[in-house]
Amino acid sequence: MTAVAALFVLAAWRSGKPAEPGRVRLIPWTLIMVFAGGVFMLLLAHLFGHFGIETGRGFMRP
């Protein structure tokens, strides 16, 4: 979870920098930031599940 959070912060920092004229960005930092945020949310829900906190609506349970 810490590594994904660090990746999110790095990608947010890199995507916020202004583009240099004449250079092409080879790494899509904004897309990496979005995916890292999504993975972080999934890991957070998984962590809540370990503590017994339900994060879903529970359609499957009778």
PDB file of N, CA and C in Angstrom:
ATOM      1  N   MET A   1       0.823  -1.177   0.000  1.00  0.00           N
ATOM      2  CA  MET A   1       0.000   0.000   0.000  1.00  0.00           C
ATOM      3  C   MET A   1       0.873   1.249   0.000  1.00  0.00           C
ATOM      4  N   THR A   2       1.972   1.178   0.727  1.00  0.00           N
ATOM      5  CA  THR A   2       2.895   2.310   0.776  1.00  0.00           C
ATOM      6  C   THR A   2       3.546   2.535  -0.584  1.00  0.00           C
ATOM      7  N   ALA A   3       3.889   1.457  -1.268  1.00  0.00           N
ATOM      8  CA  ALA A   3       4.526   1.589  -2.585  1.00  0.00           C
ATOM      9  C   ALA A   3       3.559   2.194  -3.602  1.00  0.00           C
ATOM     10  N   VAL A   4       2.295   1.806  -3.546  1.00  0.00           N
ATOM     11  CA  VAL A   4       1.302   2.359  -4.469  1.00  0.00           C
ATOM     12  C   VAL A   4       1.058   3.832  -4.154  1.00  0.00           C
ATOM     13  N   ALA A   5       1.034   4.184  -2.876  1.00  0.00           N
ATOM     14  CA  ALA A   5       0.860   5.586  -2.493  1.00  0.00           C
ATOM     15  C   ALA A   5       2.061   6.415  -2.953  1.00  0.00           C
ATOM     16  N   ALA A   6       3.259   5.860  -2.828  1.00  0.00           N
ATOM     17  CA  ALA A   6       4.448   6.570  -3.297  1.00  0.00           C
ATOM     18  C   ALA A   6       4.439   6.739  -4.814  1.00  0.00           C
ATOM     19  N   LEU A   7       3.982   5.708  -5.530  1.00  0.00           N
ATOM     20  CA  LEU A   7       3.863   5.808  -6.982  1.00  0.00           C
ATOM     21  C   LEU A   7       2.844   6.875  -7.368  1.00  0.00           C
ATOM     22  N   PHE A   8       1.739   6.951  -6.631  1.00  0.00           N
ATOM     23  CA  PHE A   8       0.728   7.976  -6.891  1.00  0.00           C
ATOM     24  C   PHE A   8       1.312   9.374  -6.693  1.00  0.00           C
ATOM     25  N   VAL A   9       2.046   9.573  -5.614  1.00  0.00           N
ATOM     26  CA  VAL A   9       2.631  10.885  -5.333  1.00  0.00           C
ATOM     27  C   VAL A   9       3.668  11.247  -6.404  1.00  0.00           C
ATOM     28  N   LEU A  10       4.493  10.286  -6.793  1.00  0.00           N
ATOM     29  CA  LEU A  10       5.488  10.536  -7.838  1.00  0.00           C
ATOM     30  C   LEU A  10       4.819  10.897  -9.155  1.00  0.00           C
ATOM     31  N   ALA A  11       3.786  10.152  -9.528  1.00  0.00           N
ATOM     32  CA  ALA A  11       3.094  10.418 -10.787  1.00  0.00           C
ATOM     33  C   ALA A  11       2.381  11.762 -10.745  1.00  0.00           C
ATOM     34  N   ALA A  12       1.797  12.114  -9.601  1.00  0.00           N
ATOM     35  CA  ALA A  12       1.137  13.412  -9.478  1.00  0.00           C
ATOM     36  C   ALA A  12       2.148  14.547  -9.605  1.00  0.00           C
ATOM     37  N   TRP A  13       3.310  14.372  -9.021  1.00  0.00           N
ATOM     38  CA  TRP A  13       4.358  15.389  -9.105  1.00  0.00           C
ATOM     39  C   TRP A  13       4.868  15.532 -10.538  1.00  0.00           C
ATOM     40  N   ARG A  14       5.112  14.377 -11.180  1.00  0.00           N
ATOM     41  CA  ARG A  14       5.643  14.418 -12.550  1.00  0.00           C
ATOM     42  C   ARG A  14       4.616  14.932 -13.548  1.00  0.00           C
ATOM     43  N   SER A  15       3.331  14.617 -13.357  1.00  0.00           N
ATOM     44  CA  SER A  15       2.315  15.088 -14.298  1.00  0.00           C
ATOM     45  C   SER A  15       2.032  16.570 -14.103  1.00  0.00           C
ATOM     46  N   GLY A  16       2.331  17.106 -12.940  1.00  0.00           N
ATOM     47  CA  GLY A  16       2.099  18.517 -12.670  1.00  0.00           C
ATOM     48  C   GLY A  16       3.178  19.433 -13.193  1.00  0.00           C
ATOM     49  N   LYS A  17       4.322  18.859 -13.563  1.00  0.00           N
ATOM     50  CA  LYS A  17       5.408  19.683 -14.092  1.00  0.00           C
ATOM     51  C   LYS A  17       5.041  20.162 -15.496  1.00  0.00           C
ATOM     52  N   PRO A  18       5.426  21.378 -15.849  1.00  0.00           N
ATOM     53  CA  PRO A  18       5.122  21.847 -17.208  1.00  0.00           C
ATOM     54  C   PRO A  18       5.937  21.084 -18.248  1.00  0.00           C
ATOM     55  N   ALA A  19       5.343  20.924 -19.424  1.00  0.00           N
ATOM     56  CA  ALA A  19       6.020  20.207 -20.503  1.00  0.00           C
ATOM     57  C   ALA A  19       7.168  21.043 -21.056  1.00  0.00           C
ATOM     58  N   GLU A  20       8.261  20.369 -21.370  1.00  0.00           N
ATOM     59  CA  GLU A  20       9.402  21.056 -21.972  1.00  0.00           C
ATOM     60  C   GLU A  20       9.187  21.135 -23.481  1.00  0.00           C
ATOM     61  N   PRO A  21       9.356  22.307 -24.060  1.00  0.00           N
ATOM     62  CA  PRO A  21       9.159  22.429 -25.509  1.00  0.00           C
ATOM     63  C   PRO A  21      10.172  21.574 -26.281  1.00  0.00           C
ATOM     64  N   GLY A  22       9.684  20.865 -27.269  1.00  0.00           N
ATOM     65  CA  GLY A  22      10.552  20.044 -28.098  1.00  0.00           C
ATOM     66  C   GLY A  22      10.787  18.633 -27.585  1.00  0.00           C
ATOM     67  N   ARG A  23      10.280  18.318 -26.411  1.00  0.00           N
ATOM     68  CA  ARG A  23      10.459  16.980 -25.857  1.00  0.00           C
ATOM     69  C   ARG A  23       9.110  16.290 -25.738  1.00  0.00           C
ATOM     70  N   VAL A  24       9.112  15.009 -26.017  1.00  0.00           N
ATOM     71  CA  VAL A  24       7.895  14.213 -25.935  1.00  0.00           C
ATOM     72  C   VAL A  24       7.921  13.420 -24.633  1.00  0.00           C
ATOM     73  N   ARG A  25       6.816  13.442 -23.903  1.00  0.00           N
ATOM     74  CA  ARG A  25       6.733  12.640 -22.676  1.00  0.00           C
ATOM     75  C   ARG A  25       6.486  11.200 -23.071  1.00  0.00           C
ATOM     76  N   LEU A  26       7.388  10.322 -22.712  1.00  0.00           N
ATOM     77  CA  LEU A  26       7.265   8.922 -23.069  1.00  0.00           C
ATOM     78  C   LEU A  26       6.456   8.133 -22.053  1.00  0.00           C
ATOM     79  N   ILE A  27       6.308   8.679 -20.844  1.00  0.00           N
ATOM     80  CA  ILE A  27       5.567   7.986 -19.788  1.00  0.00           C
ATOM     81  C   ILE A  27       4.307   8.789 -19.489  1.00  0.00           C
ATOM     82  N   PRO A  28       3.124   8.187 -19.622  1.00  0.00           N
ATOM     83  CA  PRO A  28       1.867   8.915 -19.348  1.00  0.00           C
ATOM     84  C   PRO A  28       1.614   9.005 -17.836  1.00  0.00           C
ATOM     85  N   TRP A  29       2.168  10.023 -17.194  1.00  0.00           N
ATOM     86  CA  TRP A  29       2.117  10.114 -15.741  1.00  0.00           C
ATOM     87  C   TRP A  29       0.702  10.271 -15.205  1.00  0.00           C
ATOM     88  N   THR A  30      -0.165  10.954 -15.943  1.00  0.00           N
ATOM     89  CA  THR A  30      -1.543  11.122 -15.482  1.00  0.00           C
ATOM     90  C   THR A  30      -2.272   9.785 -15.447  1.00  0.00           C
ATOM     91  N   LEU A  31      -2.079   8.961 -16.463  1.00  0.00           N
ATOM     92  CA  LEU A  31      -2.701   7.647 -16.497  1.00  0.00           C
ATOM     93  C   LEU A  31      -2.159   6.754 -15.377  1.00  0.00           C
ATOM     94  N   ILE A  32      -0.871   6.818 -15.127  1.00  0.00           N
ATOM     95  CA  ILE A  32      -0.273   6.047 -14.033  1.00  0.00           C
ATOM     96  C   ILE A  32      -0.842   6.506 -12.696  1.00  0.00           C
ATOM     97  N   MET A  33      -1.063   7.810 -12.548  1.00  0.00           N
ATOM     98  CA  MET A  33      -1.627   8.344 -11.322  1.00  0.00           C
ATOM     99  C   MET A  33      -3.054   7.826 -11.110  1.00  0.00           C
ATOM    100  N   VAL A  34      -3.854   7.771 -12.160  1.00  0.00           N
ATOM    101  CA  VAL A  34      -5.227   7.286 -12.052  1.00  0.00           C
ATOM    102  C   VAL A  34      -5.243   5.803 -11.668  1.00  0.00           C
ATOM    103  N   PHE A  35      -4.414   4.998 -12.329  1.00  0.00           N
ATOM    104  CA  PHE A  35      -4.366   3.573 -12.004  1.00  0.00           C
ATOM    105  C   PHE A  35      -3.848   3.334 -10.588  1.00  0.00           C
ATOM    106  N   ALA A  36      -2.840   4.086 -10.169  1.00  0.00           N
ATOM    107  CA  ALA A  36      -2.317   3.930  -8.812  1.00  0.00           C
ATOM    108  C   ALA A  36      -3.376   4.309  -7.780  1.00  0.00           C
ATOM    109  N   GLY A  37      -4.174   5.332  -8.069  1.00  0.00           N
ATOM    110  CA  GLY A  37      -5.265   5.702  -7.165  1.00  0.00           C
ATOM    111  C   GLY A  37      -6.313   4.615  -7.071  1.00  0.00           C
ATOM    112  N   GLY A  38      -6.628   3.982  -8.199  1.00  0.00           N
ATOM    113  CA  GLY A  38      -7.587   2.881  -8.189  1.00  0.00           C
ATOM    114  C   GLY A  38      -7.088   1.672  -7.427  1.00  0.00           C
ATOM    115  N   VAL A  39      -5.834   1.319  -7.634  1.00  0.00           N
ATOM    116  CA  VAL A  39      -5.246   0.190  -6.910  1.00  0.00           C
ATOM    117  C   VAL A  39      -5.190   0.490  -5.412  1.00  0.00           C
ATOM    118  N   PHE A  40      -4.900   1.737  -5.061  1.00  0.00           N
ATOM    119  CA  PHE A  40      -4.865   2.108  -3.652  1.00  0.00           C
ATOM    120  C   PHE A  40      -6.240   1.939  -3.011  1.00  0.00           C
ATOM    121  N   MET A  41      -7.293   2.335  -3.731  1.00  0.00           N
ATOM    122  CA  MET A  41      -8.646   2.180  -3.195  1.00  0.00           C
ATOM    123  C   MET A  41      -9.010   0.704  -3.021  1.00  0.00           C
ATOM    124  N   LEU A  42      -8.613  -0.139  -3.973  1.00  0.00           N
ATOM    125  CA  LEU A  42      -8.858  -1.580  -3.830  1.00  0.00           C
ATOM    126  C   LEU A  42      -8.114  -2.153  -2.629  1.00  0.00           C
ATOM    127  N   LEU A  43      -6.874  -1.751  -2.454  1.00  0.00           N
ATOM    128  CA  LEU A  43      -6.099  -2.235  -1.305  1.00  0.00           C
ATOM    129  C   LEU A  43      -6.685  -1.731   0.006  1.00  0.00           C
ATOM    130  N   LEU A  44      -7.224  -0.527   0.004  1.00  0.00           N
ATOM    131  CA  LEU A  44      -7.844   0.008   1.213  1.00  0.00           C
ATOM    132  C   LEU A  44      -9.106  -0.774   1.565  1.00  0.00           C
ATOM    133  N   ALA A  45      -9.905  -1.123   0.564  1.00  0.00           N
ATOM    134  CA  ALA A  45     -11.101  -1.938   0.813  1.00  0.00           C
ATOM    135  C   ALA A  45     -10.707  -3.318   1.318  1.00  0.00           C
ATOM    136  N   HIS A  46      -9.630  -3.864   0.777  1.00  0.00           N
ATOM    137  CA  HIS A  46      -9.139  -5.171   1.233  1.00  0.00           C
ATOM    138  C   HIS A  46      -8.684  -5.089   2.692  1.00  0.00           C
ATOM    139  N   LEU A  47      -8.013  -4.006   3.050  1.00  0.00           N
ATOM    140  CA  LEU A  47      -7.561  -3.814   4.429  1.00  0.00           C
ATOM    141  C   LEU A  47      -8.750  -3.684   5.375  1.00  0.00           C
ATOM    142  N   PHE A  48      -9.784  -2.953   4.948  1.00  0.00           N
ATOM    143  CA  PHE A  48     -10.989  -2.847   5.764  1.00  0.00           C
ATOM    144  C   PHE A  48     -11.632  -4.214   5.964  1.00  0.00           C
ATOM    145  N   GLY A  49     -11.595  -5.050   4.947  1.00  0.00           N
ATOM    146  CA  GLY A  49     -12.157  -6.390   5.046  1.00  0.00           C
ATOM    147  C   GLY A  49     -11.464  -7.234   6.098  1.00  0.00           C
ATOM    148  N   HIS A  50     -10.168  -7.019   6.266  1.00  0.00           N
ATOM    149  CA  HIS A  50      -9.435  -7.757   7.298  1.00  0.00           C
ATOM    150  C   HIS A  50      -9.891  -7.370   8.699  1.00  0.00           C
ATOM    151  N   PHE A  51     -10.385  -6.147   8.854  1.00  0.00           N
ATOM    152  CA  PHE A  51     -10.866  -5.691  10.157  1.00  0.00           C
ATOM    153  C   PHE A  51     -12.360  -5.935  10.346  1.00  0.00           C
ATOM    154  N   GLY A  52     -13.014  -6.576   9.377  1.00  0.00           N
ATOM    155  CA  GLY A  52     -14.412  -6.910   9.496  1.00  0.00           C
ATOM    156  C   GLY A  52     -15.366  -5.828   9.046  1.00  0.00           C
ATOM    157  N   ILE A  53     -14.860  -4.799   8.403  1.00  0.00           N
ATOM    158  CA  ILE A  53     -15.706  -3.715   7.915  1.00  0.00           C
ATOM    159  C   ILE A  53     -16.143  -4.060   6.501  1.00  0.00           C
ATOM    160  N   GLU A  54     -17.458  -4.119   6.261  1.00  0.00           N
ATOM    161  CA  GLU A  54     -17.967  -4.445   4.931  1.00  0.00           C
ATOM    162  C   GLU A  54     -17.994  -3.184   4.079  1.00  0.00           C
ATOM    163  N   THR A  55     -17.433  -3.275   2.878  1.00  0.00           N
ATOM    164  CA  THR A  55     -17.373  -2.118   2.001  1.00  0.00           C
ATOM    165  C   THR A  55     -18.322  -2.230   0.823  1.00  0.00           C
ATOM    166  N   GLY A  56     -18.928  -3.399   0.594  1.00  0.00           N
ATOM    167  CA  GLY A  56     -19.852  -3.567  -0.522  1.00  0.00           C
ATOM    168  C   GLY A  56     -21.291  -3.480  -0.067  1.00  0.00           C
ATOM    169  N   ARG A  57     -22.193  -3.625  -1.003  1.00  0.00           N
ATOM    170  CA  ARG A  57     -23.618  -3.565  -0.680  1.00  0.00           C
ATOM    171  C   ARG A  57     -24.149  -4.909  -0.209  1.00  0.00           C
ATOM    172  N   GLY A  58     -23.444  -5.988  -0.490  1.00  0.00           N
ATOM    173  CA  GLY A  58     -23.844  -7.295  -0.005  1.00  0.00           C
ATOM    174  C   GLY A  58     -24.988  -7.922  -0.771  1.00  0.00           C
ATOM    175  N   PHE A  59     -25.012  -7.792  -2.092  1.00  0.00           N
ATOM    176  CA  PHE A  59     -26.068  -8.388  -2.904  1.00  0.00           C
ATOM    177  C   PHE A  59     -26.037  -9.900  -2.843  1.00  0.00           C
ATOM    178  N   MET A  60     -24.894 -10.502  -2.665  1.00  0.00           N
ATOM    179  CA  MET A  60     -24.767 -11.951  -2.698  1.00  0.00           C
ATOM    180  C   MET A  60     -25.197 -12.613  -1.393  1.00  0.00           C
ATOM    181  N   ARG A  61     -25.287 -11.857  -0.337  1.00  0.00           N
ATOM    182  CA  ARG A  61     -25.594 -12.467   0.974  1.00  0.00           C
ATOM    183  C   ARG A  61     -27.084 -12.478   1.225  1.00  0.00           C
ATOM    184  N   PRO A  62     -27.617 -13.605   1.731  1.00  0.00           N
ATOM    185  CA  PRO A  62     -29.065 -13.681   2.010  1.00  0.00           C
ATOM    186  C   PRO A  62     -29.469 -12.898   3.238  1.00  0.00           C
TER     187      PRO A  62
END
